Amino acid sequence: MAISFDEFKRKKEAAEAAVNESIKEKFVAAAQKLKSLEASKKRGSTPQQVTPQGNAQTSNFDDADDDPEDPFDTILRDLDLFTDPNGIGYATINFENIYRTYKIGETGLKKQIKGSYFDLTGRLPKERELKTFCDKIEYLSERQGITKEVYVRFAHVDDEIYIDLGDKSGRAVHITSSGWQVVTNPPVKFIRYGHMLPLPVPLHNGDYRKLLKFLNLKTKDDELLVLTWPLVAAISSISHAPLILHGAPGACKSGSISALRGLLDPSAPMHTYVQKKVDDAALYIEQNAIPAFDNLTTITKDVENVMCLAATTGSIAKRRLHKNDELVTYKLNRAMLITALELPTSAPDFLDRAIVVALDRVTPDTRRPESQIKREYAQDLPGILGGMCDHLSKMLGLYGKVTPPSNLPRMADHATWACVAALALGYSQDDFIKAHKRAALRAQQNAFEDDDFATVLVDFLNSTGEVEGYVSEVLDALREYASRRGIGRGVLPKIANVFSRRLKEITKYLELADWQCEFSRSAKIGRVLTFTRLSPAEPDVDQEIDLAPASEHMPADFPLTLDRDEWSQAFEADAGDIDGAAENSAPLLTQP
């Protein structure tokens, strides 16, 4: 039926009014629901503003005049973005007035961002939103051009030392030449990993020498070397000599390494077994302020090279996973702890950088319950750490005011600070130099005895006297000598260039045996090799220096394997107690 134009117009206006009324009712309901949610949050802990997200629309009847701020912009204002010298992006976030630093993209930072986003909106961000925000802050960290150093546990900056206590309160020990104090939110950037445990709050006027109660050292030389080593380990700006503790079964090697690491950089577990893969070793060294390798028997050449890099401040670059055009760099500068039955390597280059100390075996009549020893260690640790801080303060005051000895050994920076540490402990610089020299000679002699090639060569030289000839001729003569004595052919190199390389490797061992090896300049028909006998040097290896009286030992029967449930009790914390620790830390290397 046809209708008039006026009737059509009236029905159209009625339909439009009904639609508008329906939309109005929906908007009013949405606004009431939003206000109800705000009131509910206010009745909770901290008042937070709820921001409409996603496709939700703001009602025309809402009291708000301005559009709400993007919650990611709010989070961004609380971030301090920067890169380290290698170009890796970092972010420091303020969480309840405690500053925590993370590598951009790692799990720990993502959790903090999710938590902040939830507090602002009442929901978690979508993975796509989170990834976009992380990409944005990584870009901004690079664009801003701000570069800062990132530290693990120790920071030596501007003649001051900071030691991260690793606790929930963000505290650190601030050490200057005038003393030390515990501070919150230090100005340096500390990064934490999931395996790190907190240090106790140090006590003023503590006794650092009580550390010797938990070590089974043989000589006073060794006591001086071990007492100076932790003090130098806290100087993060220099290269560090590895400390190798070796001894027979029952010599408290695992207990000793746990006691030393517990003072400097407690972790769960305290120590590990080094693996053969270079990447695993490099990652473990980078993420531990004091890497601790326990009960080593041998070290592969590649891992040995990684350890040498860590001792001399090197780095390793490798391709980032699934990316052909991007590298990840491991910065290696760590003071390493190593224990072994025998020296795990005879490489002169590595041993020349290390401090080697022998441990004495615990006798049955001096053994004590392990639980008693750990309880005493936990009780003494705050005082030991406080005494260590006192000595570090003295070292900062002495460094630069005293002239270092002219006969410094290899790892001269470490030796210079160790001499200053000796002065702070009440010894002389010469005391340390002599103790270090005697320990180095003992280590080289032990390695020499374990090297079959060096032993055969010295026997050959002692029986034939001084030798001169082409490299190939000397090698033939050495082979003939070994054959007459029934020595296997596998002991000696097969070709002349390998023979020359091995001779360069054992130069120090030959000097210990009073032999000098020299090569002539290259010639078309071959280089001439000369072995010359040195005059006996009479090294004073076994004579000890007259140091201060040794502290009374408290012999300990530490087990050869200690796990996190045992030693971690001394710090009354689990690995999870470290707030701000990254959950994607290095896979802990464990003995197979």
Protein backbone atom coordinates (compact mmCIF):
# COMPACT_ATOMS: atom_id res chain seq x y z
CA MET A 1 0.00 0.00 0.00
CA ALA A 2 1.35 3.37 -0.90
CA ILE A 3 1.98 5.88 1.86
CA SER A 4 2.36 9.61 1.75
CA PHE A 5 5.67 11.35 1.87
CA ASP A 6 4.91 12.81 5.30
CA GLU A 7 4.13 9.34 6.72
CA PHE A 8 7.41 8.00 5.34
CA LYS A 9 9.36 10.88 6.90
CA ARG A 10 7.70 10.36 10.30
CA LYS A 11 8.53 6.60 10.37
CA LYS A 12 12.14 7.27 9.35
CA GLU A 13 12.65 9.77 12.19
CA ALA A 14 11.16 7.31 14.68
CA ALA A 15 13.53 4.53 13.54
CA GLU A 16 16.58 6.81 13.80
CA ALA A 17 15.55 7.89 17.31
CA ALA A 18 15.28 4.23 18.40
CA VAL A 19 18.75 3.45 17.07
CA ASN A 20 20.24 6.48 18.79
CA GLU A 21 18.56 5.54 22.07
CA SER A 22 20.02 2.01 21.82
CA ILE A 23 23.54 3.33 21.18
CA LYS A 24 23.16 5.78 24.05
CA GLU A 25 22.15 3.00 26.45
CA LYS A 26 25.19 0.91 25.41
CA PHE A 27 27.59 3.81 25.94
CA VAL A 28 26.08 4.60 29.35
CA ALA A 29 26.47 0.95 30.38
CA ALA A 30 30.12 0.94 29.23
CA ALA A 31 30.84 4.14 31.17
CA GLN A 32 29.23 2.76 34.34
CA LYS A 33 31.24 -0.46 34.01
CA LEU A 34 34.47 1.56 33.62
CA LYS A 35 33.72 3.67 36.70
CA SER A 36 32.91 0.54 38.68
CA LEU A 37 36.28 -0.96 37.75
CA GLU A 38 38.06 2.22 38.83
CA ALA A 39 36.30 2.17 42.19
CA SER A 40 37.22 -1.48 42.66
CA LYS A 41 40.91 -0.77 42.06
CA LYS A 42 40.83 2.14 44.48
CA ARG A 43 39.61 -0.19 47.20
CA GLY A 44 42.71 -2.33 46.56
CA SER A 45 46.38 -1.46 47.28
CA THR A 46 47.63 1.48 45.19
CA PRO A 47 45.28 3.69 43.20
CA GLN A 48 45.89 3.18 39.50
CA GLN A 49 44.23 4.71 36.48
CA VAL A 50 42.39 2.30 34.19
CA THR A 51 42.88 3.17 30.56
CA PRO A 52 40.50 1.89 27.88
CA GLN A 53 42.40 -0.42 25.54
CA GLY A 54 41.96 -2.20 22.27
CA ASN A 55 38.76 -1.45 20.43
CA ALA A 56 36.85 -0.12 23.46
CA GLN A 57 35.37 3.31 22.82
CA THR A 58 35.08 6.15 25.27
CA SER A 59 31.50 7.24 25.91
CA ASN A 60 30.36 10.71 25.00
CA PHE A 61 28.92 10.87 28.52
CA ASP A 62 32.32 10.26 30.28
CA ASP A 63 33.59 13.10 32.46
CA ALA A 64 37.14 12.88 30.95
CA ASP A 65 38.01 15.74 28.63
CA ASP A 66 41.35 14.44 27.28
CA ASP A 67 42.30 11.14 25.67
CA PRO A 68 44.06 8.76 28.09
CA GLU A 69 47.85 8.31 27.74
CA ASP A 70 49.26 5.18 26.17
CA PRO A 71 50.48 3.01 29.10
CA PHE A 72 53.67 2.17 27.20
CA ASP A 73 54.49 5.90 27.12
CA THR A 74 54.08 5.98 30.89
CA ILE A 75 56.44 3.01 31.26
CA LEU A 76 58.95 4.57 28.85
CA ARG A 77 59.28 7.68 31.02
CA ASP A 78 60.53 5.49 33.89
CA LEU A 79 63.25 3.79 31.81
CA ASP A 80 66.90 4.86 31.62
CA LEU A 81 68.09 3.63 28.21
CA PHE A 82 71.72 3.26 27.15
CA THR A 83 74.18 0.91 25.43
CA ASP A 84 77.39 -0.65 26.68
CA PRO A 85 80.70 -0.14 24.81
CA ASN A 86 79.85 -3.18 22.63
CA GLY A 87 76.60 -1.57 21.46
CA ILE A 88 74.29 -3.85 23.49
CA GLY A 89 71.14 -2.06 24.65
CA TYR A 90 70.22 -1.88 28.35
CA ALA A 91 67.37 -0.41 30.36
CA THR A 92 67.28 0.58 34.02
CA ILE A 93 63.79 0.49 35.50
CA ASN A 94 62.58 2.02 38.75
CA PHE A 95 60.61 -0.58 40.70
CA GLU A 96 59.38 0.67 44.08
CA ASN A 97 62.33 3.11 44.20
CA ILE A 98 64.85 0.33 43.56
CA TYR A 99 66.81 0.58 40.30
CA ARG A 100 67.32 -2.61 38.31
CA THR A 101 69.26 -2.91 35.09
CA TYR A 102 68.46 -5.42 32.36
CA LYS A 103 69.66 -6.23 28.89
CA ILE A 104 66.91 -5.18 26.48
CA GLY A 105 65.00 -8.18 25.20
CA GLU A 106 65.78 -10.51 28.09
CA THR A 107 63.10 -12.22 30.15
CA GLY A 108 63.65 -10.19 33.33
CA LEU A 109 62.94 -6.87 31.63
CA LYS A 110 59.88 -8.26 29.85
CA LYS A 111 58.44 -9.39 33.19
CA GLN A 112 58.94 -5.92 34.68
CA ILE A 113 57.25 -4.29 31.68
CA LYS A 114 54.32 -6.72 31.89
CA GLY A 115 53.91 -5.98 35.58
CA SER A 116 53.91 -2.21 35.04
CA TYR A 117 51.46 -2.53 32.16
CA PHE A 118 49.11 -4.65 34.27
CA ASP A 119 49.22 -2.10 37.11
CA LEU A 120 48.21 0.63 34.65
CA THR A 121 45.52 -1.18 32.66
CA GLY A 122 44.35 -4.20 34.60
CA ARG A 123 45.44 -6.58 31.84
CA LEU A 124 48.64 -7.99 30.36
CA PRO A 125 49.93 -6.63 27.05
CA LYS A 126 49.65 -8.79 23.97
CA GLU A 127 52.87 -10.41 22.80
CA ARG A 128 52.81 -8.34 19.63
CA GLU A 129 52.47 -5.13 21.68
CA LEU A 130 55.29 -6.17 24.00
CA LYS A 131 57.62 -7.04 21.13
CA THR A 132 56.89 -3.74 19.41
CA PHE A 133 57.68 -1.83 22.61
CA CYS A 134 60.94 -3.77 23.18
CA ASP A 135 61.99 -3.05 19.59
CA LYS A 136 61.20 0.62 20.20
CA ILE A 137 63.31 0.95 23.36
CA GLU A 138 66.18 -0.97 21.75
CA TYR A 139 66.12 1.51 18.88
CA LEU A 140 65.94 4.46 21.29
CA SER A 141 68.86 3.13 23.37
CA GLU A 142 71.03 3.16 20.24
CA ARG A 143 69.69 6.45 18.87
CA GLN A 144 70.28 8.40 22.09
CA GLY A 145 74.00 7.57 21.89
CA ILE A 146 74.49 7.21 25.65
CA THR A 147 77.20 4.66 26.50
CA LYS A 148 77.76 3.29 29.99
CA GLU A 149 79.73 0.39 31.46
CA VAL A 150 77.77 -2.52 32.91
CA TYR A 151 79.24 -4.45 35.86
CA VAL A 152 78.71 -7.81 37.53
CA ARG A 153 79.20 -7.70 41.35
CA PHE A 154 82.30 -5.40 41.31
CA ALA A 155 82.85 -1.90 39.90
CA HIS A 156 86.12 0.04 40.20
CA VAL A 157 85.33 3.55 38.98
CA ASP A 158 87.11 6.88 39.62
CA ASP A 159 89.29 5.54 42.47
CA GLU A 160 86.21 4.09 44.19
CA ILE A 161 84.93 0.52 44.50
CA TYR A 162 81.33 -0.68 44.57
CA ILE A 163 80.39 -4.24 45.58
CA ASP A 164 76.84 -5.28 44.72
CA LEU A 165 75.33 -7.09 47.71
CA GLY A 166 72.71 -8.58 45.40
CA ASP A 167 69.83 -8.24 47.86
CA LYS A 168 66.21 -7.16 47.34
CA SER A 169 66.92 -3.66 48.62
CA GLY A 170 69.37 -2.80 45.82
CA ARG A 171 72.22 -2.21 48.26
CA ALA A 172 75.95 -2.07 47.55
CA VAL A 173 79.13 -1.39 49.51
CA HIS A 174 80.72 1.93 48.51
CA ILE A 175 84.46 1.97 49.28
CA THR A 176 86.73 5.01 49.14
CA SER A 177 90.17 5.78 50.53
CA SER A 178 88.51 7.31 53.59
CA GLY A 179 86.34 4.29 54.48
CA TRP A 180 83.26 2.42 53.34
CA GLN A 181 79.51 2.37 53.81
CA VAL A 182 76.45 0.49 52.57
CA VAL A 183 74.38 2.52 50.09
CA THR A 184 71.12 1.98 48.16
CA ASN A 185 70.93 2.44 44.38
CA PRO A 186 74.64 3.00 43.62
CA PRO A 187 75.41 5.26 40.63
CA VAL A 188 77.03 2.43 38.63
CA LYS A 189 75.05 -0.03 36.51
CA PHE A 190 75.03 -3.53 38.03
CA ILE A 191 73.37 -6.39 36.18
CA ARG A 192 72.28 -9.55 37.96
CA TYR A 193 71.76 -13.11 36.76
CA GLY A 194 69.46 -15.80 38.10
CA HIS A 195 72.22 -17.89 39.73
CA MET A 196 73.56 -15.05 41.90
CA LEU A 197 73.09 -15.14 45.67
CA PRO A 198 73.19 -12.14 48.03
CA LEU A 199 76.20 -11.23 50.14
CA PRO A 200 75.67 -10.47 53.85
CA VAL A 201 75.91 -6.89 55.09
CA PRO A 202 79.59 -6.48 56.10
CA LEU A 203 80.56 -5.55 59.65
CA HIS A 204 82.97 -2.75 60.47
CA ASN A 205 86.25 -3.69 62.14
CA GLY A 206 85.96 -7.30 60.99
CA ASP A 207 88.84 -9.78 60.82
CA TYR A 208 89.72 -10.58 57.21
CA ARG A 209 92.32 -13.17 58.24
CA LYS A 210 89.59 -15.45 59.60
CA LEU A 211 89.23 -16.55 55.99
CA LEU A 212 92.30 -18.73 56.55
CA LYS A 213 90.32 -20.88 59.01
CA PHE A 214 88.44 -22.35 56.08
CA LEU A 215 91.45 -23.02 53.84
CA ASN A 216 94.03 -25.77 54.30
CA LEU A 217 97.15 -24.01 53.03
CA LYS A 218 100.63 -25.47 53.35
CA THR A 219 102.99 -22.49 53.66
CA LYS A 220 103.06 -18.87 54.75
CA ASP A 221 103.91 -17.96 51.15
CA ASP A 222 100.61 -19.48 50.11
CA GLU A 223 98.75 -17.59 52.83
CA LEU A 224 100.06 -14.27 51.51
CA LEU A 225 99.18 -15.17 47.92
CA VAL A 226 95.65 -16.27 48.85
CA LEU A 227 94.95 -13.28 51.12
CA THR A 228 95.93 -10.79 48.42
CA TRP A 229 94.01 -12.54 45.62
CA PRO A 230 90.40 -11.69 46.72
CA LEU A 231 91.42 -8.08 47.35
CA VAL A 232 92.74 -7.73 43.80
CA ALA A 233 89.70 -9.58 42.41
CA ALA A 234 87.54 -6.63 43.52
CA ILE A 235 89.51 -4.28 41.23
CA SER A 236 87.34 -4.77 38.14
CA SER A 237 89.29 -2.35 35.94
CA ILE A 238 92.37 -4.59 35.51
CA SER A 239 93.26 -8.06 34.27
CA HIS A 240 93.42 -10.81 36.88
CA ALA A 241 95.67 -13.79 37.43
CA PRO A 242 93.70 -17.05 37.84
CA LEU A 243 94.10 -18.77 41.21
CA ILE A 244 94.73 -22.52 40.90
CA LEU A 245 94.36 -24.63 44.06
CA HIS A 246 95.63 -28.21 43.73
CA GLY A 247 96.12 -31.07 46.13
CA ALA A 248 95.48 -34.71 46.87
CA PRO A 249 92.00 -36.11 47.59
CA GLY A 250 90.82 -34.83 50.97
CA ALA A 251 92.69 -31.52 50.66
CA CYS A 252 89.46 -29.46 50.90
CA LYS A 253 89.66 -28.24 47.31
CA SER A 254 85.90 -27.90 46.80
CA GLY A 255 85.44 -26.45 50.28
CA SER A 256 88.24 -23.94 49.68
CA ILE A 257 86.86 -22.76 46.36
CA SER A 258 83.40 -22.40 47.94
CA ALA A 259 84.79 -20.37 50.86
CA LEU A 260 86.64 -18.01 48.52
CA ARG A 261 83.75 -17.56 46.13
CA GLY A 262 81.27 -17.18 48.99
CA LEU A 263 83.25 -14.13 50.13
CA LEU A 264 83.28 -12.51 46.70
CA ASP A 265 80.47 -13.72 44.46
CA PRO A 266 78.16 -16.37 45.99
CA SER A 267 76.23 -18.38 43.46
CA ALA A 268 74.07 -21.45 43.12
CA PRO A 269 75.98 -23.63 42.54
CA MET A 270 79.24 -22.25 43.92
CA HIS A 271 81.37 -24.01 41.30
CA THR A 272 81.06 -26.08 38.16
CA TYR A 273 82.98 -28.35 35.82
CA VAL A 274 84.25 -26.77 32.63
CA GLN A 275 82.85 -28.18 29.42
CA LYS A 276 84.61 -28.62 26.09
CA LYS A 277 82.49 -26.14 24.15
CA VAL A 278 83.97 -22.68 23.80
CA ASP A 279 80.54 -20.98 23.75
CA ASP A 280 79.50 -22.59 27.04
CA ALA A 281 82.77 -21.66 28.75
CA ALA A 282 82.65 -18.06 27.44
CA LEU A 283 79.02 -17.57 28.51
CA TYR A 284 79.69 -18.97 31.99
CA ILE A 285 82.73 -16.74 32.43
CA GLU A 286 80.88 -13.62 31.24
CA GLN A 287 77.91 -14.12 33.57
CA ASN A 288 79.95 -14.84 36.72
CA ALA A 289 82.08 -12.23 38.46
CA ILE A 290 84.22 -15.05 39.89
CA PRO A 291 84.00 -18.10 37.58
CA ALA A 292 84.83 -21.19 39.65
CA PHE A 293 85.90 -24.45 37.98
CA ASP A 294 86.22 -27.39 40.34
CA ASN A 295 88.15 -30.67 40.05
CA LEU A 296 89.53 -30.15 36.57
CA THR A 297 91.62 -32.95 35.09
CA THR A 298 92.37 -31.54 31.65
CA ILE A 299 91.48 -28.41 29.72
CA THR A 300 90.99 -28.46 25.97
CA LYS A 301 93.17 -26.09 24.00
CA ASP A 302 90.20 -23.99 22.89
CA VAL A 303 88.81 -23.58 26.43
CA GLU A 304 92.34 -22.88 27.69
CA ASN A 305 92.52 -20.04 25.16
CA VAL A 306 89.17 -18.71 26.44
CA MET A 307 90.54 -18.72 29.99
CA CYS A 308 93.65 -16.87 28.84
CA LEU A 309 91.39 -14.27 27.22
CA ALA A 310 89.43 -13.92 30.47
CA ALA A 311 92.67 -13.40 32.39
CA THR A 312 93.96 -10.73 30.01
CA THR A 313 90.67 -8.88 29.25
CA GLY A 314 89.67 -10.24 25.86
CA SER A 315 86.44 -10.92 24.02
CA ILE A 316 84.85 -13.52 21.79
CA ALA A 317 82.44 -12.67 18.96
CA LYS A 318 80.08 -15.21 17.42
CA ARG A 319 77.09 -15.12 15.11
CA ARG A 320 73.81 -14.51 16.85
CA LEU A 321 71.44 -17.46 16.57
CA HIS A 322 69.46 -17.53 13.30
CA LYS A 323 71.02 -14.26 12.13
CA ASN A 324 73.83 -14.20 9.60
CA ASP A 325 74.63 -10.49 9.78
CA GLU A 326 74.69 -9.90 13.54
CA LEU A 327 77.31 -10.80 16.13
CA VAL A 328 77.05 -11.29 19.87
CA THR A 329 80.17 -10.42 21.85
CA TYR A 330 81.27 -12.01 25.12
CA LYS A 331 83.43 -9.59 27.07
CA LEU A 332 85.81 -11.59 29.24
CA ASN A 333 87.61 -9.99 32.17
CA ARG A 334 87.28 -12.15 35.24
CA ALA A 335 89.25 -13.40 38.25
CA MET A 336 88.91 -17.18 37.92
CA LEU A 337 89.14 -19.90 40.57
CA ILE A 338 90.31 -23.39 39.57
CA THR A 339 90.88 -26.55 41.61
CA ALA A 340 92.49 -29.81 40.48
CA LEU A 341 94.23 -32.92 41.78
CA GLU A 342 97.18 -32.12 39.55
CA LEU A 343 97.76 -29.08 37.41
CA PRO A 344 95.10 -29.36 34.67
CA THR A 345 97.45 -27.97 32.01
CA SER A 346 101.15 -27.79 31.31
CA ALA A 347 100.80 -24.89 28.86
CA PRO A 348 103.48 -22.37 29.88
CA ASP A 349 101.43 -19.43 28.60
CA PHE A 350 98.52 -20.23 30.93
CA LEU A 351 100.61 -21.21 33.96
CA ASP A 352 102.72 -18.10 33.53
CA ARG A 353 99.59 -16.02 34.10
CA ALA A 354 98.29 -18.01 37.06
CA ILE A 355 98.97 -18.12 40.79
CA VAL A 356 99.36 -21.77 41.79
CA VAL A 357 98.88 -22.81 45.43
CA ALA A 358 99.09 -26.32 46.92
CA LEU A 359 96.54 -27.42 49.56
CA ASP A 360 97.41 -29.75 52.43
CA ARG A 361 95.45 -32.93 53.08
CA VAL A 362 93.20 -33.04 56.16
CA THR A 363 94.23 -35.77 58.57
CA PRO A 364 91.58 -38.04 60.15
CA ASP A 365 92.20 -36.67 63.66
CA THR A 366 91.48 -33.06 62.57
CA ARG A 367 88.25 -33.62 60.65
CA ARG A 368 85.07 -31.96 61.85
CA PRO A 369 81.40 -32.22 60.87
CA GLU A 370 80.60 -30.33 57.70
CA SER A 371 77.49 -28.73 59.22
CA GLN A 372 79.59 -27.21 62.01
CA ILE A 373 82.08 -25.72 59.55
CA LYS A 374 79.36 -24.18 57.39
CA ARG A 375 77.64 -22.73 60.43
CA GLU A 376 80.88 -21.09 61.58
CA TYR A 377 81.51 -19.82 58.06
CA ALA A 378 78.09 -18.17 57.93
CA GLN A 379 78.72 -16.56 61.33
CA ASP A 380 82.20 -15.28 60.40
CA LEU A 381 81.42 -14.16 56.85
CA PRO A 382 80.04 -10.65 57.66
CA GLY A 383 83.18 -9.87 59.68
CA ILE A 384 85.49 -11.34 57.03
CA LEU A 385 83.76 -9.25 54.34
CA GLY A 386 83.96 -6.14 56.54
CA GLY A 387 87.68 -6.71 57.10
CA MET A 388 88.12 -7.11 53.35
CA CYS A 389 86.40 -3.75 52.80
CA ASP A 390 88.74 -2.14 55.38
CA HIS A 391 91.78 -3.43 53.46
CA LEU A 392 90.34 -2.32 50.11
CA SER A 393 89.93 1.18 51.55
CA LYS A 394 93.60 1.16 52.60
CA MET A 395 94.60 -0.03 49.14
CA LEU A 396 92.78 2.88 47.47
CA GLY A 397 94.70 5.26 49.72
CA LEU A 398 98.06 3.60 49.02
CA TYR A 399 97.77 3.06 45.27
CA GLY A 400 99.61 5.75 43.36
CA LYS A 401 101.59 6.82 46.41
CA VAL A 402 104.01 3.89 46.44
CA THR A 403 106.45 2.89 43.72
CA PRO A 404 105.86 -0.66 42.48
CA PRO A 405 108.82 -3.04 42.34
CA SER A 406 110.90 -3.11 39.18
CA ASN A 407 110.84 -6.92 38.96
CA LEU A 408 107.12 -7.42 38.47
CA PRO A 409 106.04 -10.81 37.12
CA ARG A 410 103.70 -11.35 34.19
CA MET A 411 100.18 -9.93 34.75
CA ALA A 412 101.87 -6.75 35.95
CA ASP A 413 98.65 -4.88 36.81
CA HIS A 414 97.51 -7.72 39.05
CA ALA A 415 100.96 -7.92 40.66
CA THR A 416 101.05 -4.15 41.24
CA TRP A 417 97.73 -4.18 43.07
CA ALA A 418 98.75 -7.35 44.93
CA CYS A 419 101.85 -5.54 46.19
CA VAL A 420 99.60 -2.72 47.42
CA ALA A 421 97.34 -5.33 49.04
CA ALA A 422 100.39 -6.82 50.77
CA LEU A 423 101.19 -3.38 52.21
CA ALA A 424 97.59 -2.99 53.40
CA LEU A 425 97.87 -6.40 55.11
CA GLY A 426 101.09 -5.40 56.88
CA TYR A 427 103.62 -7.11 54.60
CA SER A 428 106.12 -5.56 52.20
CA GLN A 429 105.97 -5.47 48.42
CA ASP A 430 109.09 -7.62 48.29
CA ASP A 431 107.33 -10.24 50.41
CA PHE A 432 104.71 -10.70 47.71
CA ILE A 433 107.22 -10.72 44.83
CA LYS A 434 109.31 -13.43 46.49
CA ALA A 435 106.27 -15.53 47.42
CA HIS A 436 104.92 -15.23 43.87
CA LYS A 437 108.29 -16.20 42.34
CA ARG A 438 108.65 -19.30 44.49
CA ALA A 439 105.09 -20.41 43.73
CA ALA A 440 105.67 -19.88 40.00
CA LEU A 441 108.86 -21.97 40.06
CA ARG A 442 107.10 -24.80 41.87
CA ALA A 443 104.27 -24.75 39.32
CA GLN A 444 106.68 -24.79 36.39
CA GLN A 445 108.63 -27.68 37.90
CA ASN A 446 105.42 -29.67 38.39
CA ALA A 447 104.39 -29.01 34.80
CA PHE A 448 107.88 -29.92 33.56
CA GLU A 449 107.69 -33.29 35.29
CA ASP A 450 104.34 -33.99 33.58
CA ASP A 451 105.60 -33.14 30.08
CA ASP A 452 107.05 -36.32 28.51
CA PHE A 453 108.53 -34.45 25.56
CA ALA A 454 110.39 -31.98 27.80
CA THR A 455 111.63 -34.80 30.03
CA VAL A 456 113.03 -36.79 27.10
CA LEU A 457 114.68 -33.69 25.61
CA VAL A 458 116.42 -32.75 28.85
CA ASP A 459 117.63 -36.34 29.33
CA PHE A 460 119.01 -36.21 25.80
CA LEU A 461 120.80 -32.89 26.41
CA ASN A 462 122.19 -34.02 29.76
CA SER A 463 123.66 -37.15 28.15
CA THR A 464 125.07 -35.54 24.98
CA GLY A 465 125.99 -32.06 26.17
CA GLU A 466 125.56 -28.88 24.17
CA VAL A 467 124.06 -29.40 20.70
CA GLU A 468 124.10 -27.36 17.51
CA GLY A 469 122.63 -28.28 14.14
CA TYR A 470 119.76 -27.82 11.76
CA VAL A 471 116.34 -28.34 13.33
CA SER A 472 115.70 -31.49 11.31
CA GLU A 473 119.12 -32.93 12.28
CA VAL A 474 118.55 -32.32 16.00
CA LEU A 475 115.12 -33.94 15.74
CA ASP A 476 116.63 -37.02 14.04
CA ALA A 477 119.27 -37.31 16.78
CA LEU A 478 116.59 -36.98 19.48
CA ARG A 479 114.48 -39.70 17.82
CA GLU A 480 117.44 -42.05 17.69
CA TYR A 481 118.18 -41.41 21.37
CA ALA A 482 114.53 -42.08 22.31
CA SER A 483 114.45 -45.27 20.21
CA ARG A 484 117.54 -46.69 21.97
CA ARG A 485 115.79 -46.21 25.29
CA GLY A 486 112.50 -47.75 24.21
CA ILE A 487 110.55 -44.49 24.29
CA GLY A 488 107.44 -44.53 22.10
CA ARG A 489 107.48 -42.54 18.87
CA GLY A 490 104.28 -40.73 19.86
CA VAL A 491 106.15 -38.71 22.50
CA LEU A 492 108.21 -36.78 19.94
CA PRO A 493 107.06 -34.52 17.09
CA LYS A 494 107.13 -36.07 13.64
CA ILE A 495 108.19 -33.04 11.60
CA ALA A 496 110.64 -30.19 12.10
CA ASN A 497 108.19 -27.27 12.23
CA VAL A 498 106.15 -28.97 14.97
CA PHE A 499 109.41 -29.67 16.81
CA SER A 500 110.30 -25.96 16.62
CA ARG A 501 106.88 -24.92 17.94
CA ARG A 502 107.11 -27.34 20.89
CA LEU A 503 110.56 -26.02 21.76
CA LYS A 504 109.17 -22.48 22.00
CA GLU A 505 106.37 -23.72 24.26
CA ILE A 506 108.75 -25.33 26.77
CA THR A 507 111.37 -22.56 26.85
CA LYS A 508 110.73 -21.85 30.54
CA TYR A 509 110.91 -25.53 31.44
CA LEU A 510 114.27 -25.84 29.68
CA GLU A 511 115.56 -22.85 31.67
CA LEU A 512 114.52 -24.60 34.88
CA ALA A 513 116.69 -27.54 33.75
CA ASP A 514 119.60 -25.12 33.01
CA TRP A 515 119.30 -25.25 29.22
CA GLN A 516 118.82 -22.41 26.75
CA CYS A 517 117.39 -22.89 23.27
CA GLU A 518 118.16 -20.46 20.42
CA PHE A 519 117.26 -20.37 16.72
CA SER A 520 119.29 -18.70 14.02
CA ARG A 521 117.65 -16.50 11.44
CA SER A 522 115.78 -18.26 8.67
CA ALA A 523 117.91 -19.65 5.89
CA LYS A 524 117.15 -21.32 2.60
CA ILE A 525 118.39 -24.70 3.78
CA GLY A 526 116.97 -24.44 7.29
CA ARG A 527 117.53 -22.72 10.62
CA VAL A 528 120.29 -23.69 13.00
CA LEU A 529 119.23 -24.79 16.48
CA THR A 530 121.58 -24.37 19.43
CA PHE A 531 121.21 -25.76 22.97
CA THR A 532 123.52 -24.11 25.50
CA ARG A 533 123.95 -25.07 29.15
CA LEU A 534 123.19 -22.31 31.62
CA SER A 535 125.10 -21.82 34.84
CA PRO A 536 123.17 -23.36 37.77
CA ALA A 537 120.84 -20.67 39.14
CA GLU A 538 120.16 -22.30 42.52
CA PRO A 539 116.55 -21.04 42.71
CA ASP A 540 115.42 -20.65 46.29
CA VAL A 541 112.13 -22.47 45.77
CA ASP A 542 111.60 -24.22 49.07
CA GLN A 543 112.74 -21.49 51.43
CA GLU A 544 109.82 -19.51 52.81
CA ILE A 545 109.84 -15.87 53.69
CA ASP A 546 109.47 -14.93 57.31
CA LEU A 547 105.95 -13.58 57.24
CA ALA A 548 103.63 -12.68 60.08
CA PRO A 549 102.60 -15.67 62.22
CA ALA A 550 100.14 -17.86 60.39
CA SER A 551 96.60 -17.78 61.70
CA GLU A 552 95.56 -20.88 63.60
CA HIS A 553 94.00 -23.30 61.14
CA MET A 554 90.64 -24.80 61.77
CA PRO A 555 90.93 -27.95 59.62
CA ALA A 556 87.85 -28.76 57.66
CA ASP A 557 86.61 -31.93 56.05
CA PHE A 558 84.77 -30.37 53.13
CA PRO A 559 83.21 -32.82 50.69
CA LEU A 560 84.67 -32.94 47.22
CA THR A 561 81.27 -32.01 45.76
CA LEU A 562 79.09 -29.29 47.25
CA ASP A 563 75.72 -28.43 45.81
CA ARG A 564 73.52 -25.36 46.17
CA ASP A 565 71.50 -26.88 49.03
CA GLU A 566 74.64 -27.05 51.16
CA TRP A 567 76.70 -23.93 50.57
CA SER A 568 73.77 -21.72 49.64
CA GLN A 569 72.51 -22.11 53.22
CA ALA A 570 75.35 -19.89 54.36
CA PHE A 571 73.67 -17.00 52.57
CA GLU A 572 70.12 -17.87 53.65
CA ALA A 573 68.84 -17.40 50.14
CA ASP A 574 67.76 -19.26 47.07
CA ALA A 575 68.74 -18.25 43.59
CA GLY A 576 65.28 -16.71 43.25
CA ASP A 577 65.94 -14.26 46.08
CA ILE A 578 67.87 -11.98 43.77
CA ASP A 579 65.27 -9.49 42.62
CA GLY A 580 66.01 -8.24 39.16
CA ALA A 581 67.95 -11.36 38.18
CA ALA A 582 67.63 -12.40 34.58
CA GLU A 583 65.94 -15.75 34.17
CA ASN A 584 67.64 -16.43 30.88
CA SER A 585 71.08 -16.56 32.45
CA ALA A 586 73.80 -18.90 31.26
CA PRO A 587 73.10 -22.62 31.52
CA LEU A 588 75.06 -23.75 34.54
CA LEU A 589 77.80 -26.10 33.56
CA THR A 590 77.78 -29.22 35.68
CA GLN A 591 80.06 -32.17 35.89
CA PRO A 592 78.84 -35.01 33.66
